Amino acid sequence: MTDHAVLDELQQAIDEAFRGRDRVAMREVYSAVSEHVNLPADLLTHLNELPEGDYSRQGLARAINEVITRRGEQDSLGLLDVPTGAEPGT
């Protein structure tokens, strides 16, 4: 699976976690991502770097993008799209 395909799969898992909800707990996101067998385990470590708590879709995308950028993977992996109507904070 290419790096960009991994990011697409991650986006799909996040979409599933948020289905019908405005905010979700980090543990629910982690659970949804864990169910996607095509995602490499090292991608889950990106989520481990995020603080516990509830996230909006926009806040989660921004937080994951910060981890990707901090690791210097934005050129190879890419960044998640931050949905429009982004609210401040997480």
C-alpha atoms as a PDB file:
ATOM      1  CA  MET A   1       0.000   0.000   0.000  1.00  0.00           C
ATOM      2  CA  THR A   2       1.457   3.370  -0.989  1.00  0.00           C
ATOM      3  CA  ASP A   3       1.837   6.084   1.611  1.00  0.00           C
ATOM      4  CA  HIS A   4      -0.968   8.150   0.107  1.00  0.00           C
ATOM      5  CA  ALA A   5      -3.236   5.085   0.062  1.00  0.00           C
ATOM      6  CA  VAL A   6      -2.477   4.663   3.765  1.00  0.00           C
ATOM      7  CA  LEU A   7      -3.640   8.211   4.383  1.00  0.00           C
ATOM      8  CA  ASP A   8      -6.827   7.557   2.381  1.00  0.00           C
ATOM      9  CA  GLU A   9      -7.479   4.461   4.503  1.00  0.00           C
ATOM     10  CA  LEU A  10      -6.885   6.492   7.669  1.00  0.00           C
ATOM     11  CA  GLN A  11      -9.358   9.110   6.434  1.00  0.00           C
ATOM     12  CA  GLN A  12     -11.931   6.371   5.847  1.00  0.00           C
ATOM     13  CA  ALA A  13     -11.461   5.043   9.396  1.00  0.00           C
ATOM     14  CA  ILE A  14     -11.843   8.555  10.812  1.00  0.00           C
ATOM     15  CA  ASP A  15     -15.018   9.059   8.768  1.00  0.00           C
ATOM     16  CA  GLU A  16     -16.394   5.835  10.262  1.00  0.00           C
ATOM     17  CA  ALA A  17     -15.580   6.975  13.804  1.00  0.00           C
ATOM     18  CA  PHE A  18     -17.407  10.275  13.252  1.00  0.00           C
ATOM     19  CA  ARG A  19     -20.419   8.825  11.442  1.00  0.00           C
ATOM     20  CA  GLY A  20     -23.426  10.672  12.861  1.00  0.00           C
ATOM     21  CA  ARG A  21     -21.424  12.499  15.546  1.00  0.00           C
ATOM     22  CA  ASP A  22     -19.797  15.901  15.878  1.00  0.00           C
ATOM     23  CA  ARG A  23     -17.189  14.838  18.467  1.00  0.00           C
ATOM     24  CA  VAL A  24     -15.600  11.535  19.381  1.00  0.00           C
ATOM     25  CA  ALA A  25     -13.224  10.351  22.072  1.00  0.00           C
ATOM     26  CA  MET A  26      -9.692   9.523  21.018  1.00  0.00           C
ATOM     27  CA  ARG A  27     -10.197   5.898  22.096  1.00  0.00           C
ATOM     28  CA  GLU A  28     -13.090   5.572  19.634  1.00  0.00           C
ATOM     29  CA  VAL A  29     -10.918   6.888  16.805  1.00  0.00           C
ATOM     30  CA  TYR A  30      -8.161   4.475  17.783  1.00  0.00           C
ATOM     31  CA  SER A  31     -10.665   1.605  17.807  1.00  0.00           C
ATOM     32  CA  ALA A  32     -11.981   2.497  14.331  1.00  0.00           C
ATOM     33  CA  VAL A  33      -8.462   2.801  12.934  1.00  0.00           C
ATOM     34  CA  SER A  34      -7.437  -0.515  14.539  1.00  0.00           C
ATOM     35  CA  GLU A  35     -10.206  -2.305  12.639  1.00  0.00           C
ATOM     36  CA  HIS A  36      -8.660  -1.366   9.293  1.00  0.00           C
ATOM     37  CA  VAL A  37      -6.290  -4.267   8.715  1.00  0.00           C
ATOM     38  CA  ASN A  38      -4.601  -2.551   5.763  1.00  0.00           C
ATOM     39  CA  LEU A  39      -3.232   0.228   7.963  1.00  0.00           C
ATOM     40  CA  PRO A  40       0.319  -0.401   9.153  1.00  0.00           C
ATOM     41  CA  ALA A  41       0.846  -0.611  12.904  1.00  0.00           C
ATOM     42  CA  ASP A  42       3.312   2.273  12.822  1.00  0.00           C
ATOM     43  CA  LEU A  43       0.477   4.567  11.746  1.00  0.00           C
ATOM     44  CA  LEU A  44      -1.242   3.841  15.056  1.00  0.00           C
ATOM     45  CA  THR A  45       1.761   5.372  16.785  1.00  0.00           C
ATOM     46  CA  HIS A  46       0.756   8.688  15.202  1.00  0.00           C
ATOM     47  CA  LEU A  47      -2.504   8.479  17.155  1.00  0.00           C
ATOM     48  CA  ASN A  48      -0.640   7.582  20.338  1.00  0.00           C
ATOM     49  CA  GLU A  49       0.990  11.015  20.193  1.00  0.00           C
ATOM     50  CA  LEU A  50      -2.368  12.770  20.494  1.00  0.00           C
ATOM     51  CA  PRO A  51      -3.743  13.706  23.910  1.00  0.00           C
ATOM     52  CA  GLU A  52      -6.800  11.859  25.178  1.00  0.00           C
ATOM     53  CA  GLY A  53     -10.083  13.683  24.988  1.00  0.00           C
ATOM     54  CA  ASP A  54     -12.896  14.449  22.623  1.00  0.00           C
ATOM     55  CA  TYR A  55     -12.124  15.803  19.177  1.00  0.00           C
ATOM     56  CA  SER A  56     -14.097  17.467  16.441  1.00  0.00           C
ATOM     57  CA  ARG A  57     -13.394  16.150  12.961  1.00  0.00           C
ATOM     58  CA  GLN A  58     -11.502  19.338  12.132  1.00  0.00           C
ATOM     59  CA  GLY A  59      -9.524  19.283  15.377  1.00  0.00           C
ATOM     60  CA  LEU A  60      -8.524  15.662  14.877  1.00  0.00           C
ATOM     61  CA  ALA A  61      -7.385  16.250  11.290  1.00  0.00           C
ATOM     62  CA  ARG A  62      -5.302  19.215  12.407  1.00  0.00           C
ATOM     63  CA  ALA A  63      -3.771  17.264  15.304  1.00  0.00           C
ATOM     64  CA  ILE A  64      -2.830  14.292  13.096  1.00  0.00           C
ATOM     65  CA  ASN A  65      -1.375  16.658  10.496  1.00  0.00           C
ATOM     66  CA  GLU A  66       0.754  18.233  13.226  1.00  0.00           C
ATOM     67  CA  VAL A  67       2.149  14.799  14.134  1.00  0.00           C
ATOM     68  CA  ILE A  68       2.881  14.026  10.466  1.00  0.00           C
ATOM     69  CA  THR A  69       4.596  17.399  10.024  1.00  0.00           C
ATOM     70  CA  ARG A  70       6.571  17.081  13.247  1.00  0.00           C
ATOM     71  CA  ARG A  71       7.851  13.710  12.010  1.00  0.00           C
ATOM     72  CA  GLY A  72       8.765  15.206   8.631  1.00  0.00           C
ATOM     73  CA  GLU A  73       6.483  12.800   6.747  1.00  0.00           C
ATOM     74  CA  GLN A  74       4.299  15.356   4.978  1.00  0.00           C
ATOM     75  CA  ASP A  75       6.094  14.916   1.644  1.00  0.00           C
ATOM     76  CA  SER A  76       5.960  11.113   1.622  1.00  0.00           C
ATOM     77  CA  LEU A  77       2.719  10.496   3.499  1.00  0.00           C
ATOM     78  CA  GLY A  78       0.799  13.656   2.754  1.00  0.00           C
ATOM     79  CA  LEU A  79      -1.637  15.410   5.049  1.00  0.00           C
ATOM     80  CA  LEU A  80      -5.271  14.818   5.884  1.00  0.00           C
ATOM     81  CA  ASP A  81      -7.805  17.225   4.433  1.00  0.00           C
ATOM     82  CA  VAL A  82      -9.174  19.488   7.143  1.00  0.00           C
ATOM     83  CA  PRO A  83     -12.931  19.745   6.591  1.00  0.00           C
ATOM     84  CA  THR A  84     -14.359  23.194   5.898  1.00  0.00           C
ATOM     85  CA  GLY A  85     -16.091  25.062   8.649  1.00  0.00           C
ATOM     86  CA  ALA A  86     -13.178  24.244  10.930  1.00  0.00           C
ATOM     87  CA  GLU A  87     -13.791  25.263  14.511  1.00  0.00           C
ATOM     88  CA  PRO A  88     -11.090  26.542  16.822  1.00  0.00           C
ATOM     89  CA  GLY A  89      -9.386  24.123  19.202  1.00  0.00           C
ATOM     90  CA  THR A  90      -9.814  20.352  19.293  1.00  0.00           C
END
